[in-house]
Amino acid sequence: MIDFTFTEEQEMFRKAAREFAEAKVAPKVPEMEETGKVSDEVVKAMAEAEMMALTIPEEYGGLGLGYIARLIAVEEVSKVSVGAGMMLQVFALGIEPILKFGSEEQKKKYLPGLAKGERLAATAVTETTGGSDPTGIRSTYKKDGGDYILNGRKCFITNSHIADTIIILAKDEEDPKAFSTFIMEKGMEGFKATHEENKVGMRGCNTGELAYENCRVPQENLVGVEGKGMRVALAAIGDVGRGGMVGCALGLQAACLEASVKFANERILYGKPISRLQTIQNKLADMKIDLEAGCLLGYRAAAMQDKGERCSNEFAVAKYFTTEAAQRAAKIAADIHGGYGCMEEYAVTRYLRDSFVLGPSAGTSDIMKVIVARWVLS
């Protein structure tokens, strides 16, 4: 028989992650919503709680707890703030290429600082000409002695203005079919964060553009094999990026359900709580069913990941289902709240806005279907 239960250690970790989110993240949500800016206090608290160290092995200063623990952490933080959950998940996304494809020298140089939160990571693939199709990017590199010269721009990059260790995908200036990935650091000449986006949701999570003009990158900052960088970038996005989005979506669904149950029990209509109306019960049941199914899909993929098994297809399924379900849950939650669901004083309005950003992040729902269809037909 298959055991679908969490271990005692994982249950203890979930409790600790929930307490962290409620104590350190929740008090900063109003400020993040009002300003749209990253809370330095939240980032510092994540570092102190070793939230960035979960997937990094102990030998490099991490906790080595794996991807189920990482999914738990993102889910629990997202119950309080999807913006903070998104920021946390992209820290791990930026770490993954170094962890899986980096040289021993790169791991020793970057991972201890990333584990402690002294360094903050991100991955930059998307451009105006290439997001769902990364082969359409225009960023280029060329060899110059022992270095590489990079030119280009990236857009819609989470943590763009706060990350200082960023994985960049670019193509060979002389061979457009050859792609490589590089570690770029804040402060490199010619490299800077430019425009910062103002999103409809996930406020408090920084998203923006990066530009690099004749930026000289040392050869030792090449991640993996030159010309094989597409595999590096897509492996991180497929397994860790989409896995993180599942955590964000599950956290949002759980928050929507909790808020809806509370409101339905307190709101009196026709002399009784609306939770006793069959129509409301059906809505709550739909939300619960989606949440349970999403948990099974997401944690199955994370369990495969912890075993070292290929899981990108399973994460595509989970990412599609949970992000679509999160949008349904947010809509249902707003409906249950009636007129109050349109008032900013109620968190469901934030949940609704946040849900819109989940779909396109780490690959749109349409692209997830393309991936799943290829899996079916392979």
Protein backbone atom coordinates (compact mmCIF):
# COMPACT_ATOMS: atom_id res chain seq x y z
CA MET A 1 0.00 0.00 0.00
CA ILE A 2 1.06 3.59 -0.62
CA ASP A 3 1.47 5.76 2.49
CA PHE A 4 0.11 9.27 1.85
CA THR A 5 0.95 10.63 5.32
CA PHE A 6 3.70 13.08 6.21
CA THR A 7 6.46 11.96 8.53
CA GLU A 8 6.53 13.23 12.10
CA GLU A 9 9.43 15.50 11.20
CA GLN A 10 7.52 16.95 8.24
CA GLU A 11 4.47 17.61 10.43
CA MET A 12 6.69 19.39 12.95
CA PHE A 13 8.23 21.41 10.13
CA ARG A 14 4.78 22.38 8.85
CA LYS A 15 3.83 23.63 12.30
CA ALA A 16 7.06 25.63 12.53
CA ALA A 17 6.53 27.08 9.04
CA ARG A 18 2.96 28.07 9.92
CA GLU A 19 4.08 29.77 13.13
CA PHE A 20 6.80 31.60 11.21
CA ALA A 21 4.34 32.85 8.60
CA GLU A 22 1.83 34.04 11.17
CA ALA A 23 4.42 35.71 13.39
CA LYS A 24 6.85 37.21 10.86
CA VAL A 25 4.98 37.59 7.56
CA ALA A 26 1.37 38.35 8.48
CA PRO A 27 2.13 41.63 10.34
CA LYS A 28 3.86 42.99 7.21
CA VAL A 29 1.07 42.15 4.72
CA PRO A 30 -0.80 45.49 5.06
CA GLU A 31 2.40 47.43 4.43
CA MET A 32 3.31 45.28 1.41
CA GLU A 33 -0.21 45.68 0.00
CA GLU A 34 -0.13 49.45 0.43
CA THR A 35 3.35 50.09 -0.96
CA GLY A 36 3.75 47.14 -3.32
CA LYS A 37 7.35 46.94 -2.13
CA VAL A 38 9.36 44.06 -0.72
CA SER A 39 9.52 44.02 3.07
CA ASP A 40 13.17 43.88 4.12
CA GLU A 41 11.99 42.58 7.49
CA VAL A 42 10.30 39.60 5.84
CA VAL A 43 13.40 38.76 3.79
CA LYS A 44 15.56 39.03 6.90
CA ALA A 45 13.16 36.83 8.86
CA MET A 46 13.22 34.20 6.09
CA ALA A 47 17.00 34.16 6.24
CA GLU A 48 17.04 33.85 10.04
CA ALA A 49 14.52 31.00 9.87
CA GLU A 50 16.75 29.27 7.27
CA MET A 51 13.93 29.21 4.74
CA MET A 52 16.44 29.60 1.88
CA ALA A 53 18.51 26.64 3.13
CA LEU A 54 15.91 23.88 2.75
CA THR A 55 17.16 22.26 -0.47
CA ILE A 56 20.86 22.99 0.03
CA PRO A 57 22.90 20.04 1.43
CA GLU A 58 24.41 20.35 4.89
CA GLU A 59 27.93 20.20 3.46
CA TYR A 60 27.30 23.63 1.89
CA GLY A 61 25.67 25.16 4.95
CA GLY A 62 22.09 24.15 4.17
CA LEU A 63 19.52 22.03 5.98
CA GLY A 64 19.20 19.31 3.35
CA LEU A 65 15.50 18.81 4.07
CA GLY A 66 14.49 18.32 0.45
CA TYR A 67 11.65 19.33 -1.81
CA ILE A 68 8.67 18.15 0.21
CA ALA A 69 9.84 20.44 3.03
CA ARG A 70 10.33 23.24 0.52
CA LEU A 71 6.77 22.76 -0.80
CA ILE A 72 5.44 22.80 2.77
CA ALA A 73 7.27 26.06 3.49
CA VAL A 74 6.01 27.81 0.35
CA GLU A 75 2.46 26.60 0.99
CA GLU A 76 2.39 27.80 4.60
CA VAL A 77 3.88 31.21 3.78
CA SER A 78 1.44 31.60 0.87
CA LYS A 79 -1.53 31.01 3.17
CA VAL A 80 -0.58 34.33 4.74
CA SER A 81 0.91 36.11 1.71
CA VAL A 82 1.16 34.72 -1.81
CA GLY A 83 3.58 37.56 -2.60
CA ALA A 84 5.97 36.42 0.13
CA GLY A 85 5.49 32.79 -0.92
CA MET A 86 6.39 33.68 -4.50
CA MET A 87 9.51 35.51 -3.37
CA LEU A 88 10.56 32.49 -1.30
CA GLN A 89 9.94 30.02 -4.11
CA VAL A 90 12.09 32.01 -6.55
CA PHE A 91 14.98 32.08 -4.09
CA ALA A 92 15.02 28.28 -4.45
CA LEU A 93 14.59 28.54 -8.21
CA GLY A 94 17.76 30.62 -8.42
CA ILE A 95 19.64 28.20 -6.20
CA GLU A 96 18.71 25.07 -8.17
CA PRO A 97 20.97 25.52 -11.26
CA ILE A 98 24.03 25.94 -9.04
CA LEU A 99 22.94 23.02 -6.87
CA LYS A 100 22.37 20.62 -9.77
CA PHE A 101 24.72 21.83 -12.51
CA GLY A 102 27.30 24.02 -10.78
CA SER A 103 30.95 23.11 -10.37
CA GLU A 104 32.30 22.26 -6.96
CA GLU A 105 33.99 25.67 -6.87
CA GLN A 106 30.69 27.42 -7.66
CA LYS A 107 28.87 25.45 -4.96
CA LYS A 108 31.47 26.33 -2.34
CA LYS A 109 31.47 29.97 -3.41
CA TYR A 110 27.73 30.62 -3.60
CA LEU A 111 25.68 28.03 -1.70
CA PRO A 112 26.77 28.86 1.89
CA GLY A 113 25.83 32.53 1.41
CA LEU A 114 22.57 31.59 -0.32
CA ALA A 115 21.70 29.21 2.53
CA LYS A 116 22.18 31.97 5.11
CA GLY A 117 20.32 34.58 3.06
CA GLU A 118 23.48 36.65 2.79
CA ARG A 119 23.00 36.19 -0.94
CA LEU A 120 19.58 36.28 -2.64
CA ALA A 121 18.98 34.30 -5.81
CA ALA A 122 16.82 34.49 -8.92
CA THR A 123 16.66 32.95 -12.39
CA ALA A 124 16.18 35.14 -15.47
CA VAL A 125 14.95 33.51 -18.68
CA THR A 126 11.91 35.46 -19.88
CA GLU A 127 12.21 38.21 -22.50
CA THR A 128 9.65 40.07 -24.57
CA THR A 129 10.47 37.69 -27.42
CA GLY A 130 10.80 34.51 -25.41
CA GLY A 131 9.01 33.25 -22.32
CA SER A 132 6.93 30.20 -23.08
CA ASP A 133 9.37 29.64 -25.95
CA PRO A 134 12.80 30.29 -24.42
CA THR A 135 14.52 29.64 -27.76
CA GLY A 136 13.11 33.01 -28.84
CA ILE A 137 15.28 35.02 -26.47
CA ARG A 138 17.62 37.66 -27.91
CA SER A 139 20.21 37.84 -25.12
CA THR A 140 23.62 36.91 -26.48
CA TYR A 141 27.07 35.99 -25.29
CA LYS A 142 30.44 35.76 -26.97
CA LYS A 143 33.80 34.50 -25.82
CA ASP A 144 36.46 37.14 -25.19
CA GLY A 145 39.68 35.67 -23.94
CA GLY A 146 38.92 33.93 -20.67
CA ASP A 147 35.64 35.76 -20.21
CA TYR A 148 32.20 36.05 -21.79
CA ILE A 149 30.55 39.27 -22.94
CA LEU A 150 26.76 39.34 -22.45
CA ASN A 151 24.22 41.68 -23.97
CA GLY A 152 20.45 41.69 -23.57
CA ARG A 153 17.40 42.36 -21.40
CA LYS A 154 15.08 40.21 -19.29
CA CYS A 155 11.51 41.01 -18.26
CA PHE A 156 8.98 39.80 -15.67
CA ILE A 157 11.80 38.56 -13.43
CA THR A 158 10.78 37.86 -9.84
CA ASN A 159 13.26 39.22 -7.27
CA SER A 160 14.88 41.30 -10.04
CA HIS A 161 15.74 44.24 -7.81
CA ILE A 162 16.59 42.37 -4.60
CA ALA A 163 18.56 39.39 -5.92
CA ASP A 164 22.33 39.68 -6.17
CA THR A 165 23.06 36.20 -7.60
CA ILE A 166 21.11 35.67 -10.81
CA ILE A 167 21.15 32.81 -13.31
CA ILE A 168 20.97 34.24 -16.86
CA LEU A 169 20.16 32.29 -20.03
CA ALA A 170 21.71 33.62 -23.27
CA LYS A 171 22.50 32.30 -26.74
CA ASP A 172 25.76 32.19 -28.64
CA GLU A 173 26.17 35.29 -30.80
CA GLU A 174 27.59 33.16 -33.63
CA ASP A 175 25.43 30.06 -33.13
CA PRO A 176 21.80 30.94 -32.26
CA LYS A 177 21.04 27.28 -31.48
CA ALA A 178 23.59 27.15 -28.66
CA PHE A 179 22.44 28.40 -25.25
CA SER A 180 24.43 28.81 -22.05
CA THR A 181 23.67 29.83 -18.48
CA PHE A 182 25.77 32.19 -16.39
CA ILE A 183 25.88 33.39 -12.81
CA MET A 184 25.65 37.17 -12.88
CA GLU A 185 26.19 39.21 -9.75
CA LYS A 186 24.86 42.58 -8.77
CA GLY A 187 27.65 45.11 -9.19
CA MET A 188 29.08 43.65 -12.37
CA GLU A 189 29.86 46.50 -14.77
CA GLY A 190 27.10 46.90 -17.36
CA PHE A 191 24.55 44.86 -15.38
CA LYS A 192 21.61 46.53 -13.62
CA ALA A 193 17.97 46.20 -12.62
CA THR A 194 15.86 48.73 -14.51
CA HIS A 195 12.07 48.95 -14.67
CA GLU A 196 10.03 47.60 -11.73
CA GLU A 197 6.53 46.27 -12.50
CA ASN A 198 3.33 47.22 -10.68
CA LYS A 199 1.32 43.99 -10.63
CA VAL A 200 -2.40 43.53 -10.00
CA GLY A 201 -1.57 40.99 -7.30
CA MET A 202 1.30 39.49 -5.30
CA ARG A 203 2.12 42.94 -4.00
CA GLY A 204 5.24 42.93 -1.90
CA CYS A 205 6.89 40.56 -4.36
CA ASN A 206 9.31 42.41 -6.61
CA THR A 207 9.06 41.82 -10.38
CA GLY A 208 10.99 43.78 -12.96
CA GLU A 209 13.50 44.02 -15.80
CA LEU A 210 17.22 43.38 -15.98
CA ALA A 211 19.60 44.86 -18.53
CA TYR A 212 23.22 43.97 -19.33
CA GLU A 213 25.31 45.80 -21.87
CA ASN A 214 28.77 44.51 -22.70
CA CYS A 215 28.77 42.85 -19.31
CA ARG A 216 31.96 40.88 -18.76
CA VAL A 217 31.36 37.58 -16.98
CA PRO A 218 34.29 35.40 -15.88
CA GLN A 219 34.54 31.94 -17.41
CA GLU A 220 34.20 30.41 -13.95
CA ASN A 221 30.64 31.79 -13.80
CA LEU A 222 29.47 29.55 -16.65
CA VAL A 223 26.99 27.04 -15.20
CA GLY A 224 27.25 23.57 -16.69
CA VAL A 225 28.60 22.96 -20.18
CA GLU A 226 28.82 25.78 -22.72
CA GLY A 227 26.08 25.39 -25.32
CA LYS A 228 23.98 23.13 -23.05
CA GLY A 229 22.41 25.86 -20.94
CA MET A 230 18.83 25.31 -22.08
CA ARG A 231 18.76 22.07 -20.10
CA VAL A 232 20.04 23.89 -17.03
CA ALA A 233 17.36 26.58 -17.20
CA LEU A 234 14.42 24.35 -18.13
CA ALA A 235 15.24 21.72 -15.52
CA ALA A 236 15.12 24.39 -12.81
CA ILE A 237 11.88 25.90 -14.10
CA GLY A 238 10.19 22.55 -14.80
CA ASP A 239 10.90 21.00 -11.42
CA VAL A 240 11.54 23.82 -8.96
CA GLY A 241 9.77 26.79 -10.54
CA ARG A 242 6.54 24.93 -11.17
CA GLY A 243 6.84 23.08 -7.88
CA GLY A 244 7.02 26.44 -6.12
CA MET A 245 3.95 27.69 -7.98
CA VAL A 246 2.07 24.64 -6.74
CA GLY A 247 2.96 25.67 -3.18
CA CYS A 248 1.74 29.22 -3.79
CA ALA A 249 -1.51 27.93 -5.28
CA LEU A 250 -2.18 25.43 -2.48
CA GLY A 251 -1.56 28.11 0.14
CA LEU A 252 -3.98 30.48 -1.58
CA GLN A 253 -6.65 27.78 -1.90
CA ALA A 254 -6.36 26.92 1.78
CA ALA A 255 -6.65 30.60 2.74
CA CYS A 256 -9.73 31.02 0.54
CA LEU A 257 -11.41 27.98 2.09
CA GLU A 258 -10.60 29.03 5.65
CA ALA A 259 -11.92 32.57 5.09
CA SER A 260 -15.06 31.25 3.39
CA VAL A 261 -15.89 28.78 6.16
CA LYS A 262 -15.44 31.47 8.81
CA PHE A 263 -17.62 33.97 6.97
CA ALA A 264 -20.29 31.39 6.15
CA ASN A 265 -20.57 30.41 9.81
CA GLU A 266 -20.85 34.03 10.96
CA ARG A 267 -23.04 35.53 8.23
CA ILE A 268 -26.76 35.27 9.14
CA LEU A 269 -29.36 35.13 6.38
CA TYR A 270 -33.00 34.04 6.72
CA GLY A 271 -32.37 33.69 10.44
CA LYS A 272 -29.52 31.18 10.16
CA PRO A 273 -25.84 31.04 9.12
CA ILE A 274 -25.42 30.83 5.36
CA SER A 275 -23.22 27.77 5.95
CA ARG A 276 -26.51 25.86 6.40
CA LEU A 277 -27.64 26.72 2.86
CA GLN A 278 -27.06 23.90 0.39
CA THR A 279 -25.78 26.29 -2.28
CA ILE A 280 -23.03 27.56 0.04
CA GLN A 281 -22.19 24.03 1.15
CA ASN A 282 -21.76 23.02 -2.49
CA LYS A 283 -19.33 25.91 -3.03
CA LEU A 284 -17.31 24.94 0.04
CA ALA A 285 -17.28 21.30 -1.09
CA ASP A 286 -15.94 22.29 -4.52
CA MET A 287 -13.12 24.24 -2.90
CA LYS A 288 -12.24 21.36 -0.56
CA ILE A 289 -12.25 18.79 -3.36
CA ASP A 290 -9.92 20.92 -5.48
CA LEU A 291 -7.60 21.47 -2.53
CA GLU A 292 -7.37 17.77 -1.67
CA ALA A 293 -6.74 16.79 -5.29
CA GLY A 294 -4.11 19.50 -5.70
CA CYS A 295 -2.27 18.39 -2.57
CA LEU A 296 -2.08 14.83 -3.86
CA LEU A 297 -0.77 15.96 -7.25
CA GLY A 298 1.76 18.41 -5.83
CA TYR A 299 3.18 16.31 -3.02
CA ARG A 300 3.38 13.23 -5.27
CA ALA A 301 5.64 15.18 -7.63
CA ALA A 302 7.72 16.54 -4.72
CA ALA A 303 8.12 13.02 -3.30
CA MET A 304 9.39 11.85 -6.69
CA GLN A 305 11.78 14.81 -6.70
CA ASP A 306 13.17 13.85 -3.29
CA LYS A 307 13.81 10.36 -4.65
CA GLY A 308 15.77 11.80 -7.56
CA GLU A 309 13.16 10.68 -10.09
CA ARG A 310 12.14 12.69 -13.14
CA CYS A 311 9.08 14.73 -12.22
CA SER A 312 8.71 17.64 -14.66
CA ASN A 313 5.60 16.16 -16.29
CA GLU A 314 3.99 15.51 -12.92
CA PHE A 315 4.73 19.08 -11.86
CA ALA A 316 3.20 20.37 -15.10
CA VAL A 317 -0.02 18.53 -14.23
CA ALA A 318 0.06 19.79 -10.64
CA LYS A 319 0.90 23.35 -11.68
CA TYR A 320 -1.97 23.48 -14.17
CA PHE A 321 -4.52 22.00 -11.79
CA THR A 322 -3.61 23.95 -8.66
CA THR A 323 -3.25 27.39 -10.26
CA GLU A 324 -6.55 26.99 -12.12
CA ALA A 325 -8.17 25.70 -8.92
CA ALA A 326 -6.78 28.67 -6.97
CA GLN A 327 -8.50 31.06 -9.36
CA ARG A 328 -11.75 29.13 -8.93
CA ALA A 329 -11.35 29.16 -5.16
CA ALA A 330 -10.72 32.92 -5.07
CA LYS A 331 -13.80 33.58 -7.19
CA ILE A 332 -15.96 31.30 -5.01
CA ALA A 333 -14.61 32.93 -1.85
CA ALA A 334 -15.52 36.39 -3.17
CA ASP A 335 -18.99 35.12 -4.14
CA ILE A 336 -19.62 33.66 -0.68
CA HIS A 337 -18.69 36.99 0.87
CA GLY A 338 -21.23 38.77 -1.33
CA GLY A 339 -20.84 42.54 -1.18
CA TYR A 340 -18.12 42.18 1.43
CA GLY A 341 -16.10 40.28 -1.18
CA CYS A 342 -15.68 43.58 -3.03
CA MET A 343 -14.31 45.46 -0.03
CA GLU A 344 -10.57 45.87 0.48
CA GLU A 345 -10.99 45.31 4.23
CA TYR A 346 -11.58 41.64 3.49
CA ALA A 347 -8.63 39.44 2.50
CA VAL A 348 -10.63 37.67 -0.22
CA THR A 349 -10.19 40.70 -2.49
CA ARG A 350 -6.42 40.22 -2.18
CA TYR A 351 -6.79 36.50 -2.82
CA LEU A 352 -8.70 37.22 -6.02
CA ARG A 353 -6.02 39.62 -7.28
CA ASP A 354 -3.22 37.26 -6.31
CA SER A 355 -4.87 34.34 -8.08
CA PHE A 356 -4.61 36.11 -11.43
CA VAL A 357 -0.81 36.17 -11.21
CA LEU A 358 -0.48 32.45 -10.48
CA GLY A 359 -1.50 31.27 -13.95
CA PRO A 360 1.21 32.83 -16.14
CA SER A 361 4.05 32.37 -13.65
CA ALA A 362 6.54 29.58 -14.54
CA GLY A 363 4.52 28.77 -17.66
CA THR A 364 0.93 29.52 -18.59
CA SER A 365 -1.88 27.00 -18.25
CA ASP A 366 -1.93 26.61 -22.03
CA ILE A 367 1.77 25.72 -22.01
CA MET A 368 1.17 23.20 -19.20
CA LYS A 369 -1.38 21.49 -21.46
CA VAL A 370 1.15 21.41 -24.28
CA ILE A 371 3.66 19.69 -21.96
CA VAL A 372 1.08 17.20 -20.72
CA ALA A 373 -0.07 16.45 -24.28
CA ARG A 374 3.53 15.73 -25.31
CA TRP A 375 3.81 13.41 -22.31
CA VAL A 376 0.65 11.58 -23.34
CA LEU A 377 1.79 11.23 -26.95
CA SER A 378 5.39 10.25 -26.21
